[in-house]
Amino acid sequence: MPTVTWDAEKTRRVDDGSDPHRCHYRAAGTASCDGQLWAILGEATIDLRDGSPEAMAMTPADLAFARVAIVRKAKRKALYRALRALGGSPSPLEVEAAVWASGGESCGS
């Protein structure tokens, strides 16, 4: 897998945060391998509002837990999608490494 550097200013929540049950997150960075540089981007929207397909597929307990961790889940999904753009399917360990490399578990970014 290429070396990935995450852009701390562009890897962040991009919606206005006005709805606590919906989150749009963008992960942006560069990947380098063998002297070549690529821009990578991944985006994810998690919609856990009442009546949304994602919310309706969950039990009430799972929905409550998912709503507490909505930003974290959107961030992981966006990072995963950015890494997938490099080809292949990143392992859970690679996604976790990306979480920490992009600023850790900070949910505000």
PDB file of N, CA and C in Angstrom:
ATOM      1  N   MET A   1       0.846  -1.180   0.000  1.00  0.00           N
ATOM      2  CA  MET A   1       0.000   0.000   0.000  1.00  0.00           C
ATOM      3  C   MET A   1       0.889   1.241   0.000  1.00  0.00           C
ATOM      4  N   PRO A   2       0.519   2.258  -0.781  1.00  0.00           N
ATOM      5  CA  PRO A   2       1.302   3.494  -0.813  1.00  0.00           C
ATOM      6  C   PRO A   2       1.291   4.214   0.537  1.00  0.00           C
ATOM      7  N   THR A   3       2.214   5.124   0.688  1.00  0.00           N
ATOM      8  CA  THR A   3       2.247   5.970   1.876  1.00  0.00           C
ATOM      9  C   THR A   3       1.194   7.058   1.725  1.00  0.00           C
ATOM     10  N   VAL A   4       0.356   7.224   2.737  1.00  0.00           N
ATOM     11  CA  VAL A   4      -0.734   8.200   2.677  1.00  0.00           C
ATOM     12  C   VAL A   4      -0.500   9.289   3.718  1.00  0.00           C
ATOM     13  N   THR A   5      -0.668  10.528   3.294  1.00  0.00           N
ATOM     14  CA  THR A   5      -0.610  11.683   4.177  1.00  0.00           C
ATOM     15  C   THR A   5      -1.957  12.375   4.115  1.00  0.00           C
ATOM     16  N   TRP A   6      -2.589  12.549   5.275  1.00  0.00           N
ATOM     17  CA  TRP A   6      -3.929  13.156   5.324  1.00  0.00           C
ATOM     18  C   TRP A   6      -3.816  14.656   5.505  1.00  0.00           C
ATOM     19  N   ASP A   7      -4.647  15.394   4.799  1.00  0.00           N
ATOM     20  CA  ASP A   7      -4.716  16.848   4.902  1.00  0.00           C
ATOM     21  C   ASP A   7      -5.635  17.195   6.078  1.00  0.00           C
ATOM     22  N   ALA A   8      -5.053  17.721   7.157  1.00  0.00           N
ATOM     23  CA  ALA A   8      -5.815  17.984   8.384  1.00  0.00           C
ATOM     24  C   ALA A   8      -6.891  19.051   8.192  1.00  0.00           C
ATOM     25  N   GLU A   9      -6.691  19.972   7.277  1.00  0.00           N
ATOM     26  CA  GLU A   9      -7.688  21.023   7.042  1.00  0.00           C
ATOM     27  C   GLU A   9      -8.854  20.531   6.201  1.00  0.00           C
ATOM     28  N   LYS A  10      -8.607  19.579   5.321  1.00  0.00           N
ATOM     29  CA  LYS A  10      -9.655  19.091   4.418  1.00  0.00           C
ATOM     30  C   LYS A  10     -10.310  17.807   4.907  1.00  0.00           C
ATOM     31  N   THR A  11      -9.684  17.116   5.847  1.00  0.00           N
ATOM     32  CA  THR A  11     -10.270  15.896   6.407  1.00  0.00           C
ATOM     33  C   THR A  11     -11.082  16.315   7.623  1.00  0.00           C
ATOM     34  N   ARG A  12     -12.389  16.449   7.399  1.00  0.00           N
ATOM     35  CA  ARG A  12     -13.237  16.987   8.450  1.00  0.00           C
ATOM     36  C   ARG A  12     -14.714  16.802   8.122  1.00  0.00           C
ATOM     37  N   ARG A  13     -15.531  17.127   9.088  1.00  0.00           N
ATOM     38  CA  ARG A  13     -16.974  17.151   8.875  1.00  0.00           C
ATOM     39  C   ARG A  13     -17.281  18.338   7.976  1.00  0.00           C
ATOM     40  N   VAL A  14     -18.070  18.132   6.924  1.00  0.00           N
ATOM     41  CA  VAL A  14     -18.323  19.208   5.972  1.00  0.00           C
ATOM     42  C   VAL A  14     -19.751  19.726   5.992  1.00  0.00           C
ATOM     43  N   ASP A  15     -20.656  19.066   6.721  1.00  0.00           N
ATOM     44  CA  ASP A  15     -21.986  19.644   6.870  1.00  0.00           C
ATOM     45  C   ASP A  15     -21.935  20.675   7.997  1.00  0.00           C
ATOM     46  N   ASP A  16     -23.024  21.387   8.204  1.00  0.00           N
ATOM     47  CA  ASP A  16     -23.011  22.442   9.219  1.00  0.00           C
ATOM     48  C   ASP A  16     -23.264  21.941  10.638  1.00  0.00           C
ATOM     49  N   GLY A  17     -23.538  20.657  10.795  1.00  0.00           N
ATOM     50  CA  GLY A  17     -23.720  20.071  12.115  1.00  0.00           C
ATOM     51  C   GLY A  17     -25.036  20.431  12.780  1.00  0.00           C
ATOM     52  N   SER A  18     -25.939  21.031  12.021  1.00  0.00           N
ATOM     53  CA  SER A  18     -27.198  21.472  12.618  1.00  0.00           C
ATOM     54  C   SER A  18     -28.136  20.316  12.962  1.00  0.00           C
ATOM     55  N   ASP A  19     -27.962  19.184  12.289  1.00  0.00           N
ATOM     56  CA  ASP A  19     -28.778  18.004  12.601  1.00  0.00           C
ATOM     57  C   ASP A  19     -27.871  16.962  13.248  1.00  0.00           C
ATOM     58  N   PRO A  20     -28.056  16.683  14.534  1.00  0.00           N
ATOM     59  CA  PRO A  20     -27.153  15.757  15.225  1.00  0.00           C
ATOM     60  C   PRO A  20     -27.277  14.309  14.756  1.00  0.00           C
ATOM     61  N   HIS A  21     -28.289  14.001  13.960  1.00  0.00           N
ATOM     62  CA  HIS A  21     -28.483  12.625  13.503  1.00  0.00           C
ATOM     63  C   HIS A  21     -28.101  12.421  12.039  1.00  0.00           C
ATOM     64  N   ARG A  22     -27.427  13.413  11.458  1.00  0.00           N
ATOM     65  CA  ARG A  22     -26.940  13.308  10.082  1.00  0.00           C
ATOM     66  C   ARG A  22     -25.544  13.926  10.044  1.00  0.00           C
ATOM     67  N   CYS A  23     -24.612  13.238   9.380  1.00  0.00           N
ATOM     68  CA  CYS A  23     -23.230  13.721   9.325  1.00  0.00           C
ATOM     69  C   CYS A  23     -22.631  13.433   7.951  1.00  0.00           C
ATOM     70  N   HIS A  24     -22.036  14.456   7.354  1.00  0.00           N
ATOM     71  CA  HIS A  24     -21.316  14.309   6.086  1.00  0.00           C
ATOM     72  C   HIS A  24     -19.848  14.601   6.379  1.00  0.00           C
ATOM     73  N   TYR A  25     -18.982  13.655   6.055  1.00  0.00           N
ATOM     74  CA  TYR A  25     -17.556  13.750   6.370  1.00  0.00           C
ATOM     75  C   TYR A  25     -16.739  13.570   5.104  1.00  0.00           C
ATOM     76  N   ARG A  26     -15.637  14.304   4.996  1.00  0.00           N
ATOM     77  CA  ARG A  26     -14.732  14.195   3.843  1.00  0.00           C
ATOM     78  C   ARG A  26     -13.329  13.874   4.334  1.00  0.00           C
ATOM     79  N   ALA A  27     -12.684  12.923   3.684  1.00  0.00           N
ATOM     80  CA  ALA A  27     -11.289  12.590   3.958  1.00  0.00           C
ATOM     81  C   ALA A  27     -10.487  12.915   2.698  1.00  0.00           C
ATOM     82  N   ALA A  28      -9.453  13.721   2.859  1.00  0.00           N
ATOM     83  CA  ALA A  28      -8.640  14.128   1.713  1.00  0.00           C
ATOM     84  C   ALA A  28      -7.171  14.004   2.075  1.00  0.00           C
ATOM     85  N   GLY A  29      -6.406  13.551   1.119  1.00  0.00           N
ATOM     86  CA  GLY A  29      -4.979  13.410   1.360  1.00  0.00           C
ATOM     87  C   GLY A  29      -4.228  13.137   0.083  1.00  0.00           C
ATOM     88  N   THR A  30      -2.977  12.747   0.252  1.00  0.00           N
ATOM     89  CA  THR A  30      -2.141  12.374  -0.884  1.00  0.00           C
ATOM     90  C   THR A  30      -1.530  11.008  -0.612  1.00  0.00           C
ATOM     91  N   ALA A  31      -1.367  10.273  -1.671  1.00  0.00           N
ATOM     92  CA  ALA A  31      -0.727   8.963  -1.591  1.00  0.00           C
ATOM     93  C   ALA A  31       0.513   9.000  -2.471  1.00  0.00           C
ATOM     94  N   SER A  32       1.594   8.422  -1.971  1.00  0.00           N
ATOM     95  CA  SER A  32       2.817   8.398  -2.769  1.00  0.00           C
ATOM     96  C   SER A  32       3.380   6.987  -2.823  1.00  0.00           C
ATOM     97  N   CYS A  33       3.886   6.662  -3.988  1.00  0.00           N
ATOM     98  CA  CYS A  33       4.501   5.355  -4.200  1.00  0.00           C
ATOM     99  C   CYS A  33       5.429   5.453  -5.403  1.00  0.00           C
ATOM    100  N   ASP A  34       6.648   5.018  -5.232  1.00  0.00           N
ATOM    101  CA  ASP A  34       7.621   5.026  -6.326  1.00  0.00           C
ATOM    102  C   ASP A  34       7.781   6.408  -6.950  1.00  0.00           C
ATOM    103  N   GLY A  35       7.740   7.440  -6.129  1.00  0.00           N
ATOM    104  CA  GLY A  35       7.939   8.796  -6.624  1.00  0.00           C
ATOM    105  C   GLY A  35       6.709   9.440  -7.238  1.00  0.00           C
ATOM    106  N   GLN A  36       5.619   8.700  -7.346  1.00  0.00           N
ATOM    107  CA  GLN A  36       4.390   9.271  -7.901  1.00  0.00           C
ATOM    108  C   GLN A  36       3.490   9.734  -6.765  1.00  0.00           C
ATOM    109  N   LEU A  37       2.735  10.787  -7.001  1.00  0.00           N
ATOM    110  CA  LEU A  37       1.853  11.370  -6.004  1.00  0.00           C
ATOM    111  C   LEU A  37       0.434  11.417  -6.554  1.00  0.00           C
ATOM    112  N   TRP A  38      -0.539  10.963  -5.745  1.00  0.00           N
ATOM    113  CA  TRP A  38      -1.944  10.992  -6.148  1.00  0.00           C
ATOM    114  C   TRP A  38      -2.745  11.697  -5.069  1.00  0.00           C
ATOM    115  N   ALA A  39      -3.733  12.469  -5.497  1.00  0.00           N
ATOM    116  CA  ALA A  39      -4.698  13.031  -4.552  1.00  0.00           C
ATOM    117  C   ALA A  39      -5.761  11.962  -4.317  1.00  0.00           C
ATOM    118  N   ILE A  40      -6.135  11.759  -3.067  1.00  0.00           N
ATOM    119  CA  ILE A  40      -7.208  10.804  -2.776  1.00  0.00           C
ATOM    120  C   ILE A  40      -8.294  11.510  -1.983  1.00  0.00           C
ATOM    121  N   LEU A  41      -9.522  11.083  -2.200  1.00  0.00           N
ATOM    122  CA  LEU A  41     -10.674  11.711  -1.566  1.00  0.00           C
ATOM    123  C   LEU A  41     -11.728  10.657  -1.298  1.00  0.00           C
ATOM    124  N   GLY A  42     -12.328  10.728  -0.148  1.00  0.00           N
ATOM    125  CA  GLY A  42     -13.441   9.856   0.190  1.00  0.00           C
ATOM    126  C   GLY A  42     -14.473  10.654   0.961  1.00  0.00           C
ATOM    127  N   GLU A  43     -15.726  10.407   0.703  1.00  0.00           N
ATOM    128  CA  GLU A  43     -16.796  11.099   1.416  1.00  0.00           C
ATOM    129  C   GLU A  43     -17.813  10.086   1.891  1.00  0.00           C
ATOM    130  N   ALA A  44     -18.459  10.420   2.993  1.00  0.00           N
ATOM    131  CA  ALA A  44     -19.502   9.549   3.533  1.00  0.00           C
ATOM    132  C   ALA A  44     -20.548  10.405   4.228  1.00  0.00           C
ATOM    133  N   THR A  45     -21.789  10.009   4.042  1.00  0.00           N
ATOM    134  CA  THR A  45     -22.892  10.637   4.754  1.00  0.00           C
ATOM    135  C   THR A  45     -23.611   9.555   5.541  1.00  0.00           C
ATOM    136  N   ILE A  46     -23.777   9.777   6.813  1.00  0.00           N
ATOM    137  CA  ILE A  46     -24.529   8.876   7.674  1.00  0.00           C
ATOM    138  C   ILE A  46     -25.816   9.600   8.048  1.00  0.00           C
ATOM    139  N   ASP A  47     -26.947   8.976   7.757  1.00  0.00           N
ATOM    140  CA  ASP A  47     -28.246   9.571   8.067  1.00  0.00           C
ATOM    141  C   ASP A  47     -28.982   8.661   9.037  1.00  0.00           C
ATOM    142  N   LEU A  48     -29.050   9.086  10.285  1.00  0.00           N
ATOM    143  CA  LEU A  48     -29.727   8.311  11.321  1.00  0.00           C
ATOM    144  C   LEU A  48     -30.957   9.043  11.851  1.00  0.00           C
ATOM    145  N   ARG A  49     -31.520   9.904  10.998  1.00  0.00           N
ATOM    146  CA  ARG A  49     -32.744  10.600  11.399  1.00  0.00           C
ATOM    147  C   ARG A  49     -33.896   9.600  11.426  1.00  0.00           C
ATOM    148  N   ASP A  50     -34.884   9.890  12.249  1.00  0.00           N
ATOM    149  CA  ASP A  50     -36.065   9.029  12.327  1.00  0.00           C
ATOM    150  C   ASP A  50     -36.649   8.846  10.929  1.00  0.00           C
ATOM    151  N   GLY A  51     -36.914   7.601  10.562  1.00  0.00           N
ATOM    152  CA  GLY A  51     -37.509   7.287   9.268  1.00  0.00           C
ATOM    153  C   GLY A  51     -36.513   7.042   8.152  1.00  0.00           C
ATOM    154  N   SER A  52     -35.221   7.336   8.372  1.00  0.00           N
ATOM    155  CA  SER A  52     -34.227   7.079   7.321  1.00  0.00           C
ATOM    156  C   SER A  52     -34.019   5.575   7.183  1.00  0.00           C
ATOM    157  N   PRO A  53     -33.642   5.099   5.988  1.00  0.00           N
ATOM    158  CA  PRO A  53     -33.419   3.667   5.807  1.00  0.00           C
ATOM    159  C   PRO A  53     -32.386   3.095   6.793  1.00  0.00           C
ATOM    160  N   GLU A  54     -31.306   3.835   7.040  1.00  0.00           N
ATOM    161  CA  GLU A  54     -30.285   3.352   7.983  1.00  0.00           C
ATOM    162  C   GLU A  54     -30.857   3.209   9.390  1.00  0.00           C
ATOM    163  N   ALA A  55     -31.631   4.198   9.817  1.00  0.00           N
ATOM    164  CA  ALA A  55     -32.203   4.165  11.170  1.00  0.00           C
ATOM    165  C   ALA A  55     -33.247   3.059  11.288  1.00  0.00           C
ATOM    166  N   MET A  56     -34.052   2.869  10.270  1.00  0.00           N
ATOM    167  CA  MET A  56     -35.113   1.870  10.325  1.00  0.00           C
ATOM    168  C   MET A  56     -34.567   0.444  10.351  1.00  0.00           C
ATOM    169  N   ALA A  57     -33.338   0.264   9.864  1.00  0.00           N
ATOM    170  CA  ALA A  57     -32.732  -1.069   9.835  1.00  0.00           C
ATOM    171  C   ALA A  57     -32.118  -1.459  11.176  1.00  0.00           C
ATOM    172  N   MET A  58     -32.141  -0.549  12.149  1.00  0.00           N
ATOM    173  CA  MET A  58     -31.495  -0.798  13.440  1.00  0.00           C
ATOM    174  C   MET A  58     -32.522  -1.010  14.554  1.00  0.00           C
ATOM    175  N   THR A  59     -32.072  -1.713  15.570  1.00  0.00           N
ATOM    176  CA  THR A  59     -32.889  -1.816  16.780  1.00  0.00           C
ATOM    177  C   THR A  59     -32.783  -0.469  17.507  1.00  0.00           C
ATOM    178  N   PRO A  60     -33.727  -0.152  18.386  1.00  0.00           N
ATOM    179  CA  PRO A  60     -33.628   1.109  19.126  1.00  0.00           C
ATOM    180  C   PRO A  60     -32.311   1.259  19.903  1.00  0.00           C
ATOM    181  N   ALA A  61     -31.830   0.180  20.495  1.00  0.00           N
ATOM    182  CA  ALA A  61     -30.566   0.249  21.244  1.00  0.00           C
ATOM    183  C   ALA A  61     -29.387   0.517  20.304  1.00  0.00           C
ATOM    184  N   ASP A  62     -29.359  -0.169  19.153  1.00  0.00           N
ATOM    185  CA  ASP A  62     -28.279   0.044  18.189  1.00  0.00           C
ATOM    186  C   ASP A  62     -28.318   1.463  17.618  1.00  0.00           C
ATOM    187  N   LEU A  63     -29.536   1.962  17.373  1.00  0.00           N
ATOM    188  CA  LEU A  63     -29.689   3.312  16.839  1.00  0.00           C
ATOM    189  C   LEU A  63     -29.174   4.346  17.843  1.00  0.00           C
ATOM    190  N   ALA A  64     -29.500   4.178  19.094  1.00  0.00           N
ATOM    191  CA  ALA A  64     -29.026   5.112  20.121  1.00  0.00           C
ATOM    192  C   ALA A  64     -27.499   5.117  20.186  1.00  0.00           C
ATOM    193  N   PHE A  65     -26.891   3.935  20.136  1.00  0.00           N
ATOM    194  CA  PHE A  65     -25.433   3.844  20.162  1.00  0.00           C
ATOM    195  C   PHE A  65     -24.825   4.479  18.914  1.00  0.00           C
ATOM    196  N   ALA A  66     -25.408   4.186  17.743  1.00  0.00           N
ATOM    197  CA  ALA A  66     -24.882   4.724  16.480  1.00  0.00           C
ATOM    198  C   ALA A  66     -24.977   6.248  16.455  1.00  0.00           C
ATOM    199  N   ARG A  67     -26.032   6.802  17.024  1.00  0.00           N
ATOM    200  CA  ARG A  67     -26.186   8.251  17.034  1.00  0.00           C
ATOM    201  C   ARG A  67     -25.113   8.925  17.891  1.00  0.00           C
ATOM    202  N   VAL A  68     -24.713   8.281  18.958  1.00  0.00           N
ATOM    203  CA  VAL A  68     -23.655   8.836  19.811  1.00  0.00           C
ATOM    204  C   VAL A  68     -22.326   8.862  19.049  1.00  0.00           C
ATOM    205  N   ALA A  69     -22.089   7.876  18.207  1.00  0.00           N
ATOM    206  CA  ALA A  69     -20.810   7.734  17.497  1.00  0.00           C
ATOM    207  C   ALA A  69     -20.908   8.118  16.023  1.00  0.00           C
ATOM    208  N   ILE A  70     -21.872   8.953  15.652  1.00  0.00           N
ATOM    209  CA  ILE A  70     -22.133   9.223  14.236  1.00  0.00           C
ATOM    210  C   ILE A  70     -20.941   9.874  13.524  1.00  0.00           C
ATOM    211  N   VAL A  71     -20.259  10.813  14.170  1.00  0.00           N
ATOM    212  CA  VAL A  71     -19.132  11.487  13.515  1.00  0.00           C
ATOM    213  C   VAL A  71     -17.982  10.504  13.323  1.00  0.00           C
ATOM    214  N   ARG A  72     -17.714   9.711  14.346  1.00  0.00           N
ATOM    215  CA  ARG A  72     -16.650   8.707  14.259  1.00  0.00           C
ATOM    216  C   ARG A  72     -16.926   7.716  13.131  1.00  0.00           C
ATOM    217  N   LYS A  73     -18.180   7.275  13.018  1.00  0.00           N
ATOM    218  CA  LYS A  73     -18.546   6.316  11.975  1.00  0.00           C
ATOM    219  C   LYS A  73     -18.417   6.943  10.584  1.00  0.00           C
ATOM    220  N   ALA A  74     -18.845   8.182  10.438  1.00  0.00           N
ATOM    221  CA  ALA A  74     -18.742   8.862   9.140  1.00  0.00           C
ATOM    222  C   ALA A  74     -17.278   9.067   8.755  1.00  0.00           C
ATOM    223  N   LYS A  75     -16.436   9.407   9.745  1.00  0.00           N
ATOM    224  CA  LYS A  75     -15.010   9.601   9.477  1.00  0.00           C
ATOM    225  C   LYS A  75     -14.372   8.302   8.992  1.00  0.00           C
ATOM    226  N   ARG A  76     -14.639   7.209   9.692  1.00  0.00           N
ATOM    227  CA  ARG A  76     -14.066   5.915   9.282  1.00  0.00           C
ATOM    228  C   ARG A  76     -14.524   5.527   7.873  1.00  0.00           C
ATOM    229  N   LYS A  77     -15.791   5.758   7.592  1.00  0.00           N
ATOM    230  CA  LYS A  77     -16.327   5.408   6.280  1.00  0.00           C
ATOM    231  C   LYS A  77     -15.673   6.260   5.180  1.00  0.00           C
ATOM    232  N   ALA A  78     -15.481   7.544   5.438  1.00  0.00           N
ATOM    233  CA  ALA A  78     -14.838   8.424   4.456  1.00  0.00           C
ATOM    234  C   ALA A  78     -13.375   8.023   4.238  1.00  0.00           C
ATOM    235  N   LEU A  79     -12.668   7.728   5.327  1.00  0.00           N
ATOM    236  CA  LEU A  79     -11.273   7.281   5.196  1.00  0.00           C
ATOM    237  C   LEU A  79     -11.196   5.969   4.420  1.00  0.00           C
ATOM    238  N   TYR A  80     -12.100   5.048   4.717  1.00  0.00           N
ATOM    239  CA  TYR A  80     -12.141   3.769   4.010  1.00  0.00           C
ATOM    240  C   TYR A  80     -12.340   4.000   2.509  1.00  0.00           C
ATOM    241  N   ARG A  81     -13.256   4.878   2.162  1.00  0.00           N
ATOM    242  CA  ARG A  81     -13.526   5.143   0.744  1.00  0.00           C
ATOM    243  C   ARG A  81     -12.329   5.787   0.052  1.00  0.00           C
ATOM    244  N   ALA A  82     -11.628   6.682   0.773  1.00  0.00           N
ATOM    245  CA  ALA A  82     -10.428   7.291   0.194  1.00  0.00           C
ATOM    246  C   ALA A  82      -9.356   6.235  -0.039  1.00  0.00           C
ATOM    247  N   LEU A  83      -9.165   5.341   0.923  1.00  0.00           N
ATOM    248  CA  LEU A  83      -8.173   4.270   0.763  1.00  0.00           C
ATOM    249  C   LEU A  83      -8.568   3.305  -0.348  1.00  0.00           C
ATOM    250  N   ARG A  84      -9.857   3.041  -0.502  1.00  0.00           N
ATOM    251  CA  ARG A  84     -10.320   2.154  -1.581  1.00  0.00           C
ATOM    252  C   ARG A  84     -10.012   2.724  -2.953  1.00  0.00           C
ATOM    253  N   ALA A  85      -9.952   4.046  -3.035  1.00  0.00           N
ATOM    254  CA  ALA A  85      -9.647   4.693  -4.310  1.00  0.00           C
ATOM    255  C   ALA A  85      -8.259   4.310  -4.817  1.00  0.00           C
ATOM    256  N   LEU A  86      -7.411   3.832  -3.908  1.00  0.00           N
ATOM    257  CA  LEU A  86      -6.071   3.384  -4.300  1.00  0.00           C
ATOM    258  C   LEU A  86      -6.086   1.997  -4.913  1.00  0.00           C
ATOM    259  N   GLY A  87      -7.225   1.340  -4.823  1.00  0.00           N
ATOM    260  CA  GLY A  87      -7.348  -0.014  -5.354  1.00  0.00           C
ATOM    261  C   GLY A  87      -7.347  -1.029  -4.230  1.00  0.00           C
ATOM    262  N   GLY A  88      -8.156  -2.035  -4.378  1.00  0.00           N
ATOM    263  CA  GLY A  88      -8.229  -3.073  -3.354  1.00  0.00           C
ATOM    264  C   GLY A  88      -9.150  -2.672  -2.213  1.00  0.00           C
ATOM    265  N   SER A  89      -9.112  -3.465  -1.191  1.00  0.00           N
ATOM    266  CA  SER A  89      -9.942  -3.241  -0.026  1.00  0.00           C
ATOM    267  C   SER A  89      -9.046  -3.138   1.195  1.00  0.00           C
ATOM    268  N   PRO A  90      -8.983  -1.952   1.823  1.00  0.00           N
ATOM    269  CA  PRO A  90      -8.107  -1.816   2.989  1.00  0.00           C
ATOM    270  C   PRO A  90      -8.575  -2.677   4.158  1.00  0.00           C
ATOM    271  N   SER A  91      -7.618  -3.179   4.878  1.00  0.00           N
ATOM    272  CA  SER A  91      -7.941  -3.992   6.052  1.00  0.00           C
ATOM    273  C   SER A  91      -8.429  -3.087   7.179  1.00  0.00           C
ATOM    274  N   PRO A  92      -9.121  -3.658   8.169  1.00  0.00           N
ATOM    275  CA  PRO A  92      -9.522  -2.850   9.327  1.00  0.00           C
ATOM    276  C   PRO A  92      -8.332  -2.176  10.008  1.00  0.00           C
ATOM    277  N   LEU A  93      -7.194  -2.836  10.028  1.00  0.00           N
ATOM    278  CA  LEU A  93      -5.994  -2.255  10.635  1.00  0.00           C
ATOM    279  C   LEU A  93      -5.527  -1.026   9.852  1.00  0.00           C
ATOM    280  N   GLU A  94      -5.602  -1.088   8.526  1.00  0.00           N
ATOM    281  CA  GLU A  94      -5.215   0.067   7.710  1.00  0.00           C
ATOM    282  C   GLU A  94      -6.168   1.241   7.932  1.00  0.00           C
ATOM    283  N   VAL A  95      -7.453   0.942   8.085  1.00  0.00           N
ATOM    284  CA  VAL A  95      -8.423   2.012   8.353  1.00  0.00           C
ATOM    285  C   VAL A  95      -8.159   2.629   9.725  1.00  0.00           C
ATOM    286  N   GLU A  96      -7.891   1.805  10.734  1.00  0.00           N
ATOM    287  CA  GLU A  96      -7.585   2.326  12.068  1.00  0.00           C
ATOM    288  C   GLU A  96      -6.313   3.182  12.045  1.00  0.00           C
ATOM    289  N   ALA A  97      -5.314   2.746  11.289  1.00  0.00           N
ATOM    290  CA  ALA A  97      -4.085   3.531  11.160  1.00  0.00           C
ATOM    291  C   ALA A  97      -4.398   4.882  10.513  1.00  0.00           C
ATOM    292  N   ALA A  98      -5.303   4.885   9.538  1.00  0.00           N
ATOM    293  CA  ALA A  98      -5.704   6.133   8.883  1.00  0.00           C
ATOM    294  C   ALA A  98      -6.436   7.048   9.852  1.00  0.00           C
ATOM    295  N   VAL A  99      -7.257   6.478  10.717  1.00  0.00           N
ATOM    296  CA  VAL A  99      -7.974   7.286  11.722  1.00  0.00           C
ATOM    297  C   VAL A  99      -6.963   8.037  12.580  1.00  0.00           C
ATOM    298  N   TRP A 100      -5.981   7.322  13.070  1.00  0.00           N
ATOM    299  CA  TRP A 100      -4.993   7.965  13.942  1.00  0.00           C
ATOM    300  C   TRP A 100      -4.086   8.916  13.168  1.00  0.00           C
ATOM    301  N   ALA A 101      -3.713   8.571  11.949  1.00  0.00           N
ATOM    302  CA  ALA A 101      -2.853   9.428  11.143  1.00  0.00           C
ATOM    303  C   ALA A 101      -3.565  10.718  10.728  1.00  0.00           C
ATOM    304  N   SER A 102      -4.899  10.672  10.680  1.00  0.00           N
ATOM    305  CA  SER A 102      -5.652  11.853  10.257  1.00  0.00           C
ATOM    306  C   SER A 102      -6.071  12.730  11.434  1.00  0.00           C
ATOM    307  N   GLY A 103      -5.614  12.422  12.610  1.00  0.00           N
ATOM    308  CA  GLY A 103      -5.947  13.254  13.750  1.00  0.00           C
ATOM    309  C   GLY A 103      -6.630  12.504  14.862  1.00  0.00           C
ATOM    310  N   GLY A 104      -6.536  11.194  14.846  1.00  0.00           N
ATOM    311  CA  GLY A 104      -7.080  10.393  15.932  1.00  0.00           C
ATOM    312  C   GLY A 104      -8.593  10.401  15.986  1.00  0.00           C
ATOM    313  N   GLU A 105      -9.090  10.266  17.205  1.00  0.00           N
ATOM    314  CA  GLU A 105     -10.530  10.137  17.419  1.00  0.00           C
ATOM    315  C   GLU A 105     -11.229  11.464  17.608  1.00  0.00           C
ATOM    316  N   SER A 106     -10.576  12.555  17.260  1.00  0.00           N
ATOM    317  CA  SER A 106     -11.207  13.856  17.436  1.00  0.00           C
ATOM    318  C   SER A 106     -12.464  13.935  16.601  1.00  0.00           C
ATOM    319  N   CYS A 107     -13.594  13.978  17.246  1.00  0.00           N
ATOM    320  CA  CYS A 107     -14.873  13.966  16.541  1.00  0.00           C
ATOM    321  C   CYS A 107     -15.261  15.342  16.037  1.00  0.00           C
ATOM    322  N   GLY A 108     -14.601  16.363  16.478  1.00  0.00           N
ATOM    323  CA  GLY A 108     -14.959  17.698  16.022  1.00  0.00           C
ATOM    324  C   GLY A 108     -14.340  18.049  14.694  1.00  0.00           C
ATOM    325  N   SER A 109     -13.331  17.311  14.269  1.00  0.00           N
ATOM    326  CA  SER A 109     -12.662  17.654  13.024  1.00  0.00           C
ATOM    327  C   SER A 109     -13.211  16.904  11.857  1.00  0.00           C
TER     328      SER A 109
END
